Amino acid sequence: MLSPGNGWQFKGAGLCKVGDAQAVHLLYARGDQLVSVFSLKGPSNCAHGTSAPYQQTIGGHPMSGFLFSGTVYGVVASSAAGGQISVTDIAPLAAQVETCVGASSCEGIPPTTRVPATVP
């Protein structure tokens, strides 16, 4: 199980829909901040694709993720009104996810040198 440290507490796990796909969802909380970790089957055109990690903020929600062996892994954060959380804050958890699934040493190739997959 992931153990993000830095005051994050595991709150639960379950299955949920992300778009049309079924996803595994882990939820962590720290004060008024929430972090969700998702894993779901990637688009069919990705087959067993692998991508370099990506980070961005969409609609005020910091996100980090990657594609590994055809599965999409994502970390998405949110905070109550007025709270601040950034991509930098979730980077350690995203790195831990990558290590847990084996993507950080994919066939001996560091993640920064892998060829990004094409995702529509």
PDB file of N, CA and C in Angstrom:
ATOM      1  N   MET A   1       0.843  -1.174   0.000  1.00  0.00           N
ATOM      2  CA  MET A   1       0.000   0.000   0.000  1.00  0.00           C
ATOM      3  C   MET A   1       0.887   1.235   0.000  1.00  0.00           C
ATOM      4  N   LEU A   2       0.433   2.267  -0.671  1.00  0.00           N
ATOM      5  CA  LEU A   2       1.160   3.535  -0.690  1.00  0.00           C
ATOM      6  C   LEU A   2       1.156   4.144   0.703  1.00  0.00           C
ATOM      7  N   SER A   3       2.256   4.766   1.063  1.00  0.00           N
ATOM      8  CA  SER A   3       2.318   5.480   2.347  1.00  0.00           C
ATOM      9  C   SER A   3       2.963   6.830   2.086  1.00  0.00           C
ATOM     10  N   PRO A   4       2.154   7.813   1.714  1.00  0.00           N
ATOM     11  CA  PRO A   4       2.699   9.101   1.281  1.00  0.00           C
ATOM     12  C   PRO A   4       3.400   9.915   2.360  1.00  0.00           C
ATOM     13  N   GLY A   5       3.159   9.626   3.644  1.00  0.00           N
ATOM     14  CA  GLY A   5       3.814  10.390   4.705  1.00  0.00           C
ATOM     15  C   GLY A   5       3.375  11.844   4.703  1.00  0.00           C
ATOM     16  N   ASN A   6       4.171  12.711   5.304  1.00  0.00           N
ATOM     17  CA  ASN A   6       3.891  14.158   5.353  1.00  0.00           C
ATOM     18  C   ASN A   6       2.479  14.487   5.818  1.00  0.00           C
ATOM     19  N   GLY A   7       1.936  13.692   6.734  1.00  0.00           N
ATOM     20  CA  GLY A   7       0.623  13.994   7.286  1.00  0.00           C
ATOM     21  C   GLY A   7      -0.551  13.454   6.503  1.00  0.00           C
ATOM     22  N   TRP A   8      -0.319  12.798   5.360  1.00  0.00           N
ATOM     23  CA  TRP A   8      -1.409  12.247   4.564  1.00  0.00           C
ATOM     24  C   TRP A   8      -1.931  10.988   5.234  1.00  0.00           C
ATOM     25  N   GLN A   9      -3.244  10.860   5.308  1.00  0.00           N
ATOM     26  CA  GLN A   9      -3.878   9.687   5.895  1.00  0.00           C
ATOM     27  C   GLN A   9      -4.755   8.996   4.864  1.00  0.00           C
ATOM     28  N   PHE A  10      -4.636   7.678   4.816  1.00  0.00           N
ATOM     29  CA  PHE A  10      -5.462   6.880   3.915  1.00  0.00           C
ATOM     30  C   PHE A  10      -6.907   6.920   4.413  1.00  0.00           C
ATOM     31  N   LYS A  11      -7.845   7.254   3.515  1.00  0.00           N
ATOM     32  CA  LYS A  11      -9.256   7.367   3.904  1.00  0.00           C
ATOM     33  C   LYS A  11     -10.140   6.278   3.312  1.00  0.00           C
ATOM     34  N   GLY A  12      -9.700   5.643   2.237  1.00  0.00           N
ATOM     35  CA  GLY A  12     -10.524   4.589   1.670  1.00  0.00           C
ATOM     36  C   GLY A  12     -10.146   4.248   0.248  1.00  0.00           C
ATOM     37  N   ALA A  13     -10.776   3.189  -0.265  1.00  0.00           N
ATOM     38  CA  ALA A  13     -10.536   2.727  -1.626  1.00  0.00           C
ATOM     39  C   ALA A  13     -11.833   2.197  -2.201  1.00  0.00           C
ATOM     40  N   GLY A  14     -11.917   2.222  -3.488  1.00  0.00           N
ATOM     41  CA  GLY A  14     -13.107   1.687  -4.130  1.00  0.00           C
ATOM     42  C   GLY A  14     -12.966   1.703  -5.633  1.00  0.00           C
ATOM     43  N   LEU A  15     -14.032   1.325  -6.288  1.00  0.00           N
ATOM     44  CA  LEU A  15     -14.110   1.366  -7.739  1.00  0.00           C
ATOM     45  C   LEU A  15     -14.993   2.537  -8.132  1.00  0.00           C
ATOM     46  N   CYS A  16     -14.646   3.200  -9.212  1.00  0.00           N
ATOM     47  CA  CYS A  16     -15.463   4.309  -9.696  1.00  0.00           C
ATOM     48  C   CYS A  16     -15.318   4.413 -11.205  1.00  0.00           C
ATOM     49  N   LYS A  17     -16.174   5.200 -11.806  1.00  0.00           N
ATOM     50  CA  LYS A  17     -16.110   5.448 -13.241  1.00  0.00           C
ATOM     51  C   LYS A  17     -15.282   6.704 -13.503  1.00  0.00           C
ATOM     52  N   VAL A  18     -14.385   6.613 -14.468  1.00  0.00           N
ATOM     53  CA  VAL A  18     -13.659   7.768 -14.992  1.00  0.00           C
ATOM     54  C   VAL A  18     -13.989   7.774 -16.476  1.00  0.00           C
ATOM     55  N   GLY A  19     -14.849   8.685 -16.866  1.00  0.00           N
ATOM     56  CA  GLY A  19     -15.374   8.629 -18.224  1.00  0.00           C
ATOM     57  C   GLY A  19     -16.179   7.351 -18.364  1.00  0.00           C
ATOM     58  N   ASP A  20     -15.837   6.537 -19.353  1.00  0.00           N
ATOM     59  CA  ASP A  20     -16.525   5.259 -19.559  1.00  0.00           C
ATOM     60  C   ASP A  20     -15.769   4.089 -18.947  1.00  0.00           C
ATOM     61  N   ALA A  21     -14.622   4.353 -18.343  1.00  0.00           N
ATOM     62  CA  ALA A  21     -13.770   3.275 -17.828  1.00  0.00           C
ATOM     63  C   ALA A  21     -13.972   3.056 -16.330  1.00  0.00           C
ATOM     64  N   GLN A  22     -13.829   1.822 -15.914  1.00  0.00           N
ATOM     65  CA  GLN A  22     -13.856   1.458 -14.496  1.00  0.00           C
ATOM     66  C   GLN A  22     -12.456   1.714 -13.942  1.00  0.00           C
ATOM     67  N   ALA A  23     -12.354   2.365 -12.797  1.00  0.00           N
ATOM     68  CA  ALA A  23     -11.057   2.703 -12.205  1.00  0.00           C
ATOM     69  C   ALA A  23     -10.996   2.268 -10.750  1.00  0.00           C
ATOM     70  N   VAL A  24      -9.787   1.991 -10.302  1.00  0.00           N
ATOM     71  CA  VAL A  24      -9.524   1.796  -8.879  1.00  0.00           C
ATOM     72  C   VAL A  24      -9.197   3.177  -8.330  1.00  0.00           C
ATOM     73  N   HIS A  25      -9.769   3.523  -7.168  1.00  0.00           N
ATOM     74  CA  HIS A  25      -9.613   4.863  -6.601  1.00  0.00           C
ATOM     75  C   HIS A  25      -9.166   4.740  -5.141  1.00  0.00           C
ATOM     76  N   LEU A  26      -8.021   5.310  -4.819  1.00  0.00           N
ATOM     77  CA  LEU A  26      -7.541   5.408  -3.444  1.00  0.00           C
ATOM     78  C   LEU A  26      -7.678   6.865  -3.028  1.00  0.00           C
ATOM     79  N   LEU A  27      -8.095   7.117  -1.787  1.00  0.00           N
ATOM     80  CA  LEU A  27      -8.294   8.482  -1.319  1.00  0.00           C
ATOM     81  C   LEU A  27      -7.456   8.735  -0.071  1.00  0.00           C
ATOM     82  N   TYR A  28      -6.712   9.850  -0.094  1.00  0.00           N
ATOM     83  CA  TYR A  28      -5.890  10.292   1.033  1.00  0.00           C
ATOM     84  C   TYR A  28      -6.300  11.711   1.408  1.00  0.00           C
ATOM     85  N   ALA A  29      -6.175  12.057   2.695  1.00  0.00           N
ATOM     86  CA  ALA A  29      -6.521  13.404   3.161  1.00  0.00           C
ATOM     87  C   ALA A  29      -5.437  13.927   4.088  1.00  0.00           C
ATOM     88  N   ARG A  30      -5.275  15.245   4.044  1.00  0.00           N
ATOM     89  CA  ARG A  30      -4.382  15.968   4.957  1.00  0.00           C
ATOM     90  C   ARG A  30      -5.037  17.315   5.212  1.00  0.00           C
ATOM     91  N   GLY A  31      -5.645  17.452   6.396  1.00  0.00           N
ATOM     92  CA  GLY A  31      -6.389  18.688   6.676  1.00  0.00           C
ATOM     93  C   GLY A  31      -7.520  18.828   5.677  1.00  0.00           C
ATOM     94  N   ASP A  32      -7.589  19.989   4.995  1.00  0.00           N
ATOM     95  CA  ASP A  32      -8.652  20.210   4.008  1.00  0.00           C
ATOM     96  C   ASP A  32      -8.221  19.819   2.593  1.00  0.00           C
ATOM     97  N   GLN A  33      -7.085  19.129   2.474  1.00  0.00           N
ATOM     98  CA  GLN A  33      -6.587  18.701   1.169  1.00  0.00           C
ATOM     99  C   GLN A  33      -6.918  17.233   0.932  1.00  0.00           C
ATOM    100  N   LEU A  34      -7.280  16.921  -0.296  1.00  0.00           N
ATOM    101  CA  LEU A  34      -7.569  15.546  -0.696  1.00  0.00           C
ATOM    102  C   LEU A  34      -6.697  15.176  -1.888  1.00  0.00           C
ATOM    103  N   VAL A  35      -6.254  13.927  -1.908  1.00  0.00           N
ATOM    104  CA  VAL A  35      -5.524  13.407  -3.057  1.00  0.00           C
ATOM    105  C   VAL A  35      -6.152  12.075  -3.439  1.00  0.00           C
ATOM    106  N   SER A  36      -6.487  11.950  -4.712  1.00  0.00           N
ATOM    107  CA  SER A  36      -7.012  10.713  -5.265  1.00  0.00           C
ATOM    108  C   SER A  36      -5.955  10.083  -6.146  1.00  0.00           C
ATOM    109  N   VAL A  37      -5.789   8.774  -6.010  1.00  0.00           N
ATOM    110  CA  VAL A  37      -4.901   8.007  -6.875  1.00  0.00           C
ATOM    111  C   VAL A  37      -5.792   7.067  -7.679  1.00  0.00           C
ATOM    112  N   PHE A  38      -5.706   7.175  -9.007  1.00  0.00           N
ATOM    113  CA  PHE A  38      -6.530   6.364  -9.895  1.00  0.00           C
ATOM    114  C   PHE A  38      -5.662   5.435 -10.731  1.00  0.00           C
ATOM    115  N   SER A  39      -6.173   4.260 -11.020  1.00  0.00           N
ATOM    116  CA  SER A  39      -5.559   3.399 -12.037  1.00  0.00           C
ATOM    117  C   SER A  39      -6.696   2.825 -12.869  1.00  0.00           C
ATOM    118  N   LEU A  40      -6.522   2.868 -14.186  1.00  0.00           N
ATOM    119  CA  LEU A  40      -7.543   2.373 -15.091  1.00  0.00           C
ATOM    120  C   LEU A  40      -6.907   1.951 -16.397  1.00  0.00           C
ATOM    121  N   LYS A  41      -7.578   1.084 -17.093  1.00  0.00           N
ATOM    122  CA  LYS A  41      -7.093   0.614 -18.379  1.00  0.00           C
ATOM    123  C   LYS A  41      -7.015   1.788 -19.344  1.00  0.00           C
ATOM    124  N   GLY A  42      -5.889   1.886 -20.040  1.00  0.00           N
ATOM    125  CA  GLY A  42      -5.711   2.968 -21.002  1.00  0.00           C
ATOM    126  C   GLY A  42      -6.532   2.738 -22.255  1.00  0.00           C
ATOM    127  N   PRO A  43      -6.613   3.749 -23.112  1.00  0.00           N
ATOM    128  CA  PRO A  43      -7.337   3.617 -24.379  1.00  0.00           C
ATOM    129  C   PRO A  43      -6.791   2.450 -25.196  1.00  0.00           C
ATOM    130  N   SER A  44      -7.653   1.814 -25.973  1.00  0.00           N
ATOM    131  CA  SER A  44      -7.258   0.624 -26.732  1.00  0.00           C
ATOM    132  C   SER A  44      -6.093   0.888 -27.679  1.00  0.00           C
ATOM    133  N   ASN A  45      -5.969   2.108 -28.193  1.00  0.00           N
ATOM    134  CA  ASN A  45      -4.875   2.386 -29.108  1.00  0.00           C
ATOM    135  C   ASN A  45      -3.529   2.510 -28.385  1.00  0.00           C
ATOM    136  N   CYS A  46      -3.537   2.483 -27.054  1.00  0.00           N
ATOM    137  CA  CYS A  46      -2.278   2.523 -26.301  1.00  0.00           C
ATOM    138  C   CYS A  46      -1.712   1.123 -26.086  1.00  0.00           C
ATOM    139  N   ALA A  47      -2.551   0.096 -26.259  1.00  0.00           N
ATOM    140  CA  ALA A  47      -2.159  -1.302 -26.088  1.00  0.00           C
ATOM    141  C   ALA A  47      -1.321  -1.456 -24.824  1.00  0.00           C
ATOM    142  N   HIS A  48      -0.066  -1.775 -24.975  1.00  0.00           N
ATOM    143  CA  HIS A  48       0.811  -1.944 -23.813  1.00  0.00           C
ATOM    144  C   HIS A  48       1.776  -0.776 -23.733  1.00  0.00           C
ATOM    145  N   GLY A  49       1.329   0.405 -24.147  1.00  0.00           N
ATOM    146  CA  GLY A  49       2.169   1.588 -24.199  1.00  0.00           C
ATOM    147  C   GLY A  49       2.650   2.056 -22.840  1.00  0.00           C
ATOM    148  N   THR A  50       3.690   2.849 -22.895  1.00  0.00           N
ATOM    149  CA  THR A  50       4.296   3.428 -21.712  1.00  0.00           C
ATOM    150  C   THR A  50       4.628   4.876 -22.030  1.00  0.00           C
ATOM    151  N   SER A  51       4.409   5.776 -21.071  1.00  0.00           N
ATOM    152  CA  SER A  51       4.711   7.183 -21.304  1.00  0.00           C
ATOM    153  C   SER A  51       5.606   7.723 -20.205  1.00  0.00           C
ATOM    154  N   ALA A  52       6.221   8.821 -20.499  1.00  0.00           N
ATOM    155  CA  ALA A  52       6.946   9.556 -19.465  1.00  0.00           C
ATOM    156  C   ALA A  52       5.914  10.187 -18.536  1.00  0.00           C
ATOM    157  N   PRO A  53       6.257  10.444 -17.291  1.00  0.00           N
ATOM    158  CA  PRO A  53       5.310  11.109 -16.377  1.00  0.00           C
ATOM    159  C   PRO A  53       4.951  12.507 -16.888  1.00  0.00           C
ATOM    160  N   TYR A  54       3.745  12.941 -16.616  1.00  0.00           N
ATOM    161  CA  TYR A  54       3.308  14.291 -16.969  1.00  0.00           C
ATOM    162  C   TYR A  54       2.755  14.960 -15.728  1.00  0.00           C
ATOM    163  N   GLN A  55       2.773  16.276 -15.728  1.00  0.00           N
ATOM    164  CA  GLN A  55       2.227  17.061 -14.624  1.00  0.00           C
ATOM    165  C   GLN A  55       1.567  18.295 -15.200  1.00  0.00           C
ATOM    166  N   GLN A  56       0.423  18.656 -14.630  1.00  0.00           N
ATOM    167  CA  GLN A  56      -0.248  19.892 -15.025  1.00  0.00           C
ATOM    168  C   GLN A  56      -1.328  20.210 -14.010  1.00  0.00           C
ATOM    169  N   THR A  57      -1.882  21.405 -14.114  1.00  0.00           N
ATOM    170  CA  THR A  57      -2.998  21.799 -13.264  1.00  0.00           C
ATOM    171  C   THR A  57      -4.174  22.124 -14.181  1.00  0.00           C
ATOM    172  N   ILE A  58      -5.317  21.492 -13.906  1.00  0.00           N
ATOM    173  CA  ILE A  58      -6.523  21.718 -14.706  1.00  0.00           C
ATOM    174  C   ILE A  58      -7.642  22.102 -13.753  1.00  0.00           C
ATOM    175  N   GLY A  59      -8.257  23.240 -14.008  1.00  0.00           N
ATOM    176  CA  GLY A  59      -9.374  23.692 -13.177  1.00  0.00           C
ATOM    177  C   GLY A  59      -9.003  23.817 -11.711  1.00  0.00           C
ATOM    178  N   GLY A  60      -7.757  24.199 -11.431  1.00  0.00           N
ATOM    179  CA  GLY A  60      -7.302  24.355 -10.059  1.00  0.00           C
ATOM    180  C   GLY A  60      -6.905  23.054  -9.375  1.00  0.00           C
ATOM    181  N   HIS A  61      -6.933  21.935 -10.112  1.00  0.00           N
ATOM    182  CA  HIS A  61      -6.571  20.633  -9.555  1.00  0.00           C
ATOM    183  C   HIS A  61      -5.223  20.178 -10.092  1.00  0.00           C
ATOM    184  N   PRO A  62      -4.197  20.133  -9.233  1.00  0.00           N
ATOM    185  CA  PRO A  62      -2.901  19.604  -9.679  1.00  0.00           C
ATOM    186  C   PRO A  62      -3.041  18.125 -10.024  1.00  0.00           C
ATOM    187  N   MET A  63      -2.392  17.720 -11.116  1.00  0.00           N
ATOM    188  CA  MET A  63      -2.465  16.347 -11.579  1.00  0.00           C
ATOM    189  C   MET A  63      -1.084  15.872 -11.995  1.00  0.00           C
ATOM    190  N   SER A  64      -0.848  14.592 -11.779  1.00  0.00           N
ATOM    191  CA  SER A  64       0.379  13.959 -12.243  1.00  0.00           C
ATOM    192  C   SER A  64       0.005  12.549 -12.653  1.00  0.00           C
ATOM    193  N   GLY A  65       0.599  12.051 -13.712  1.00  0.00           N
ATOM    194  CA  GLY A  65       0.251  10.708 -14.132  1.00  0.00           C
ATOM    195  C   GLY A  65       1.196  10.159 -15.173  1.00  0.00           C
ATOM    196  N   PHE A  66       0.927   8.911 -15.548  1.00  0.00           N
ATOM    197  CA  PHE A  66       1.732   8.243 -16.560  1.00  0.00           C
ATOM    198  C   PHE A  66       0.973   7.017 -17.052  1.00  0.00           C
ATOM    199  N   LEU A  67       1.406   6.491 -18.181  1.00  0.00           N
ATOM    200  CA  LEU A  67       0.866   5.281 -18.763  1.00  0.00           C
ATOM    201  C   LEU A  67       1.950   4.219 -18.663  1.00  0.00           C
ATOM    202  N   PHE A  68       1.610   3.046 -18.115  1.00  0.00           N
ATOM    203  CA  PHE A  68       2.582   1.968 -17.994  1.00  0.00           C
ATOM    204  C   PHE A  68       1.899   0.654 -18.322  1.00  0.00           C
ATOM    205  N   SER A  69       2.424  -0.053 -19.302  1.00  0.00           N
ATOM    206  CA  SER A  69       1.882  -1.344 -19.736  1.00  0.00           C
ATOM    207  C   SER A  69       0.383  -1.280 -20.015  1.00  0.00           C
ATOM    208  N   GLY A  70      -0.062  -0.197 -20.650  1.00  0.00           N
ATOM    209  CA  GLY A  70      -1.451  -0.061 -21.032  1.00  0.00           C
ATOM    210  C   GLY A  70      -2.395   0.392 -19.931  1.00  0.00           C
ATOM    211  N   THR A  71      -1.859   0.705 -18.755  1.00  0.00           N
ATOM    212  CA  THR A  71      -2.677   1.195 -17.648  1.00  0.00           C
ATOM    213  C   THR A  71      -2.326   2.643 -17.362  1.00  0.00           C
ATOM    214  N   VAL A  72      -3.348   3.475 -17.170  1.00  0.00           N
ATOM    215  CA  VAL A  72      -3.146   4.884 -16.823  1.00  0.00           C
ATOM    216  C   VAL A  72      -3.172   5.000 -15.302  1.00  0.00           C
ATOM    217  N   TYR A  73      -2.171   5.665 -14.749  1.00  0.00           N
ATOM    218  CA  TYR A  73      -2.093   5.935 -13.318  1.00  0.00           C
ATOM    219  C   TYR A  73      -2.116   7.445 -13.157  1.00  0.00           C
ATOM    220  N   GLY A  74      -2.969   7.941 -12.269  1.00  0.00           N
ATOM    221  CA  GLY A  74      -3.069   9.377 -12.075  1.00  0.00           C
ATOM    222  C   GLY A  74      -3.229   9.745 -10.617  1.00  0.00           C
ATOM    223  N   VAL A  75      -2.642  10.878 -10.260  1.00  0.00           N
ATOM    224  CA  VAL A  75      -2.774  11.451  -8.921  1.00  0.00           C
ATOM    225  C   VAL A  75      -3.394  12.826  -9.121  1.00  0.00           C
ATOM    226  N   VAL A  76      -4.542  13.070  -8.461  1.00  0.00           N
ATOM    227  CA  VAL A  76      -5.270  14.324  -8.617  1.00  0.00           C
ATOM    228  C   VAL A  76      -5.533  14.898  -7.228  1.00  0.00           C
ATOM    229  N   ALA A  77      -5.241  16.186  -7.048  1.00  0.00           N
ATOM    230  CA  ALA A  77      -5.389  16.820  -5.736  1.00  0.00           C
ATOM    231  C   ALA A  77      -6.444  17.920  -5.763  1.00  0.00           C
ATOM    232  N   SER A  78      -7.006  18.176  -4.588  1.00  0.00           N
ATOM    233  CA  SER A  78      -7.927  19.296  -4.423  1.00  0.00           C
ATOM    234  C   SER A  78      -7.808  19.815  -3.003  1.00  0.00           C
ATOM    235  N   SER A  79      -8.260  21.039  -2.816  1.00  0.00           N
ATOM    236  CA  SER A  79      -8.205  21.665  -1.503  1.00  0.00           C
ATOM    237  C   SER A  79      -9.454  22.502  -1.319  1.00  0.00           C
ATOM    238  N   ALA A  80      -9.887  22.641  -0.077  1.00  0.00           N
ATOM    239  CA  ALA A  80     -11.062  23.472   0.217  1.00  0.00           C
ATOM    240  C   ALA A  80     -10.792  24.909  -0.221  1.00  0.00           C
ATOM    241  N   ALA A  81     -11.848  25.668  -0.370  1.00  0.00           N
ATOM    242  CA  ALA A  81     -11.734  27.064  -0.791  1.00  0.00           C
ATOM    243  C   ALA A  81     -10.655  27.788   0.004  1.00  0.00           C
ATOM    244  N   GLY A  82      -9.784  28.447  -0.718  1.00  0.00           N
ATOM    245  CA  GLY A  82      -8.718  29.211  -0.078  1.00  0.00           C
ATOM    246  C   GLY A  82      -7.467  28.400   0.206  1.00  0.00           C
ATOM    247  N   GLY A  83      -7.576  27.071   0.178  1.00  0.00           N
ATOM    248  CA  GLY A  83      -6.416  26.227   0.420  1.00  0.00           C
ATOM    249  C   GLY A  83      -5.531  26.151  -0.810  1.00  0.00           C
ATOM    250  N   GLN A  84      -4.284  25.842  -0.596  1.00  0.00           N
ATOM    251  CA  GLN A  84      -3.340  25.756  -1.696  1.00  0.00           C
ATOM    252  C   GLN A  84      -2.696  24.382  -1.721  1.00  0.00           C
ATOM    253  N   ILE A  85      -2.650  23.774  -2.893  1.00  0.00           N
ATOM    254  CA  ILE A  85      -1.908  22.540  -3.117  1.00  0.00           C
ATOM    255  C   ILE A  85      -1.417  22.599  -4.558  1.00  0.00           C
ATOM    256  N   SER A  86      -0.211  22.138  -4.778  1.00  0.00           N
ATOM    257  CA  SER A  86       0.407  22.275  -6.097  1.00  0.00           C
ATOM    258  C   SER A  86       0.892  20.925  -6.607  1.00  0.00           C
ATOM    259  N   VAL A  87       1.299  20.909  -7.867  1.00  0.00           N
ATOM    260  CA  VAL A  87       1.884  19.716  -8.465  1.00  0.00           C
ATOM    261  C   VAL A  87       3.117  19.290  -7.663  1.00  0.00           C
ATOM    262  N   THR A  88       3.870  20.255  -7.168  1.00  0.00           N
ATOM    263  CA  THR A  88       5.056  19.956  -6.356  1.00  0.00           C
ATOM    264  C   THR A  88       4.669  19.201  -5.083  1.00  0.00           C
ATOM    265  N   ASP A  89       3.529  19.546  -4.496  1.00  0.00           N
ATOM    266  CA  ASP A  89       3.066  18.879  -3.274  1.00  0.00           C
ATOM    267  C   ASP A  89       2.728  17.409  -3.508  1.00  0.00           C
ATOM    268  N   ILE A  90       2.225  17.079  -4.695  1.00  0.00           N
ATOM    269  CA  ILE A  90       1.833  15.692  -4.956  1.00  0.00           C
ATOM    270  C   ILE A  90       2.930  14.883  -5.648  1.00  0.00           C
ATOM    271  N   ALA A  91       4.028  15.533  -6.024  1.00  0.00           N
ATOM    272  CA  ALA A  91       5.110  14.845  -6.740  1.00  0.00           C
ATOM    273  C   ALA A  91       5.650  13.630  -5.983  1.00  0.00           C
ATOM    274  N   PRO A  92       5.882  13.707  -4.663  1.00  0.00           N
ATOM    275  CA  PRO A  92       6.389  12.516  -3.974  1.00  0.00           C
ATOM    276  C   PRO A  92       5.424  11.325  -4.042  1.00  0.00           C
ATOM    277  N   LEU A  93       4.132  11.580  -3.940  1.00  0.00           N
ATOM    278  CA  LEU A  93       3.160  10.495  -4.024  1.00  0.00           C
ATOM    279  C   LEU A  93       3.121   9.928  -5.445  1.00  0.00           C
ATOM    280  N   ALA A  94       3.160  10.801  -6.443  1.00  0.00           N
ATOM    281  CA  ALA A  94       3.164  10.339  -7.833  1.00  0.00           C
ATOM    282  C   ALA A  94       4.398   9.480  -8.107  1.00  0.00           C
ATOM    283  N   ALA A  95       5.540   9.878  -7.569  1.00  0.00           N
ATOM    284  CA  ALA A  95       6.773   9.096  -7.738  1.00  0.00           C
ATOM    285  C   ALA A  95       6.653   7.746  -7.041  1.00  0.00           C
ATOM    286  N   GLN A  96       5.994   7.724  -5.894  1.00  0.00           N
ATOM    287  CA  GLN A  96       5.810   6.470  -5.169  1.00  0.00           C
ATOM    288  C   GLN A  96       4.906   5.519  -5.957  1.00  0.00           C
ATOM    289  N   VAL A  97       3.857   6.047  -6.583  1.00  0.00           N
ATOM    290  CA  VAL A  97       2.987   5.228  -7.424  1.00  0.00           C
ATOM    291  C   VAL A  97       3.807   4.626  -8.556  1.00  0.00           C
ATOM    292  N   GLU A  98       4.612   5.451  -9.190  1.00  0.00           N
ATOM    293  CA  GLU A  98       5.434   4.996 -10.312  1.00  0.00           C
ATOM    294  C   GLU A  98       6.376   3.873  -9.877  1.00  0.00           C
ATOM    295  N   THR A  99       6.977   4.015  -8.713  1.00  0.00           N
ATOM    296  CA  THR A  99       7.872   2.980  -8.189  1.00  0.00           C
ATOM    297  C   THR A  99       7.099   1.713  -7.853  1.00  0.00           C
ATOM    298  N   CYS A 100       5.932   1.842  -7.231  1.00  0.00           N
ATOM    299  CA  CYS A 100       5.137   0.678  -6.822  1.00  0.00           C
ATOM    300  C   CYS A 100       4.713  -0.190  -7.998  1.00  0.00           C
ATOM    301  N   VAL A 101       4.417   0.413  -9.140  1.00  0.00           N
ATOM    302  CA  VAL A 101       3.967  -0.378 -10.284  1.00  0.00           C
ATOM    303  C   VAL A 101       5.141  -0.815 -11.160  1.00  0.00           C
ATOM    304  N   GLY A 102       6.346  -0.395 -10.801  1.00  0.00           N
ATOM    305  CA  GLY A 102       7.528  -0.807 -11.551  1.00  0.00           C
ATOM    306  C   GLY A 102       7.874   0.072 -12.722  1.00  0.00           C
ATOM    307  N   ALA A 103       7.167   1.173 -12.893  1.00  0.00           N
ATOM    308  CA  ALA A 103       7.407   2.029 -14.055  1.00  0.00           C
ATOM    309  C   ALA A 103       8.679   2.853 -13.935  1.00  0.00           C
ATOM    310  N   SER A 104       9.173   3.067 -12.721  1.00  0.00           N
ATOM    311  CA  SER A 104      10.345   3.919 -12.577  1.00  0.00           C
ATOM    312  C   SER A 104      11.618   3.208 -12.996  1.00  0.00           C
ATOM    313  N   SER A 105      11.538   1.919 -13.215  1.00  0.00           N
ATOM    314  CA  SER A 105      12.702   1.201 -13.725  1.00  0.00           C
ATOM    315  C   SER A 105      12.251   0.259 -14.836  1.00  0.00           C
ATOM    316  N   CYS A 106      11.394   0.769 -15.692  1.00  0.00           N
ATOM    317  CA  CYS A 106      10.818  -0.005 -16.786  1.00  0.00           C
ATOM    318  C   CYS A 106      11.906  -0.621 -17.656  1.00  0.00           C
ATOM    319  N   GLU A 107      12.060  -1.932 -17.533  1.00  0.00           N
ATOM    320  CA  GLU A 107      13.037  -2.662 -18.323  1.00  0.00           C
ATOM    321  C   GLU A 107      14.396  -1.995 -18.289  1.00  0.00           C
ATOM    322  N   GLY A 108      14.750  -1.404 -17.146  1.00  0.00           N
ATOM    323  CA  GLY A 108      16.056  -0.782 -17.000  1.00  0.00           C
ATOM    324  C   GLY A 108      16.179   0.583 -17.641  1.00  0.00           C
ATOM    325  N   ILE A 109      15.079   1.115 -18.152  1.00  0.00           N
ATOM    326  CA  ILE A 109      15.115   2.416 -18.829  1.00  0.00           C
ATOM    327  C   ILE A 109      14.540   3.459 -17.888  1.00  0.00           C
ATOM    328  N   PRO A 110      15.323   4.484 -17.530  1.00  0.00           N
ATOM    329  CA  PRO A 110      14.779   5.527 -16.650  1.00  0.00           C
ATOM    330  C   PRO A 110      13.551   6.178 -17.283  1.00  0.00           C
ATOM    331  N   PRO A 111      12.556   6.578 -16.468  1.00  0.00           N
ATOM    332  CA  PRO A 111      11.312   7.133 -17.006  1.00  0.00           C
ATOM    333  C   PRO A 111      11.505   8.344 -17.899  1.00  0.00           C
ATOM    334  N   THR A 112      12.514   9.145 -17.656  1.00  0.00           N
ATOM    335  CA  THR A 112      12.692  10.367 -18.440  1.00  0.00           C
ATOM    336  C   THR A 112      13.172  10.077 -19.859  1.00  0.00           C
ATOM    337  N   THR A 113      13.612   8.843 -20.151  1.00  0.00           N
ATOM    338  CA  THR A 113      14.085   8.548 -21.499  1.00  0.00           C
ATOM    339  C   THR A 113      13.115   7.703 -22.294  1.00  0.00           C
ATOM    340  N   ARG A 114      11.983   7.316 -21.682  1.00  0.00           N
ATOM    341  CA  ARG A 114      11.006   6.512 -22.414  1.00  0.00           C
ATOM    342  C   ARG A 114      10.289   7.371 -23.442  1.00  0.00           C
ATOM    343  N   VAL A 115       9.848   6.737 -24.500  1.00  0.00           N
ATOM    344  CA  VAL A 115       9.120   7.451 -25.534  1.00  0.00           C
ATOM    345  C   VAL A 115       7.668   7.603 -25.128  1.00  0.00           C
ATOM    346  N   PRO A 116       7.148   8.851 -25.097  1.00  0.00           N
ATOM    347  CA  PRO A 116       5.744   9.055 -24.698  1.00  0.00           C
ATOM    348  C   PRO A 116       4.788   8.353 -25.647  1.00  0.00           C
ATOM    349  N   ALA A 117       3.739   7.780 -25.089  1.00  0.00           N
ATOM    350  CA  ALA A 117       2.698   7.142 -25.883  1.00  0.00           C
ATOM    351  C   ALA A 117       1.780   8.201 -26.457  1.00  0.00           C
ATOM    352  N   THR A 118       1.118   7.875 -27.532  1.00  0.00           N
ATOM    353  CA  THR A 118       0.149   8.775 -28.140  1.00  0.00           C
ATOM    354  C   THR A 118      -1.205   8.495 -27.506  1.00  0.00           C
ATOM    355  N   VAL A 119      -1.771   9.484 -26.829  1.00  0.00           N
ATOM    356  CA  VAL A 119      -3.072   9.348 -26.201  1.00  0.00           C
ATOM    357  C   VAL A 119      -3.998  10.363 -26.831  1.00  0.00           C
ATOM    358  N   PRO A 120      -5.152   9.912 -27.338  1.00  0.00           N
ATOM    359  CA  PRO A 120      -6.056  10.865 -28.019  1.00  0.00           C
ATOM    360  C   PRO A 120      -6.623  11.893 -27.054  1.00  0.00           C
TER     361      PRO A 120
END
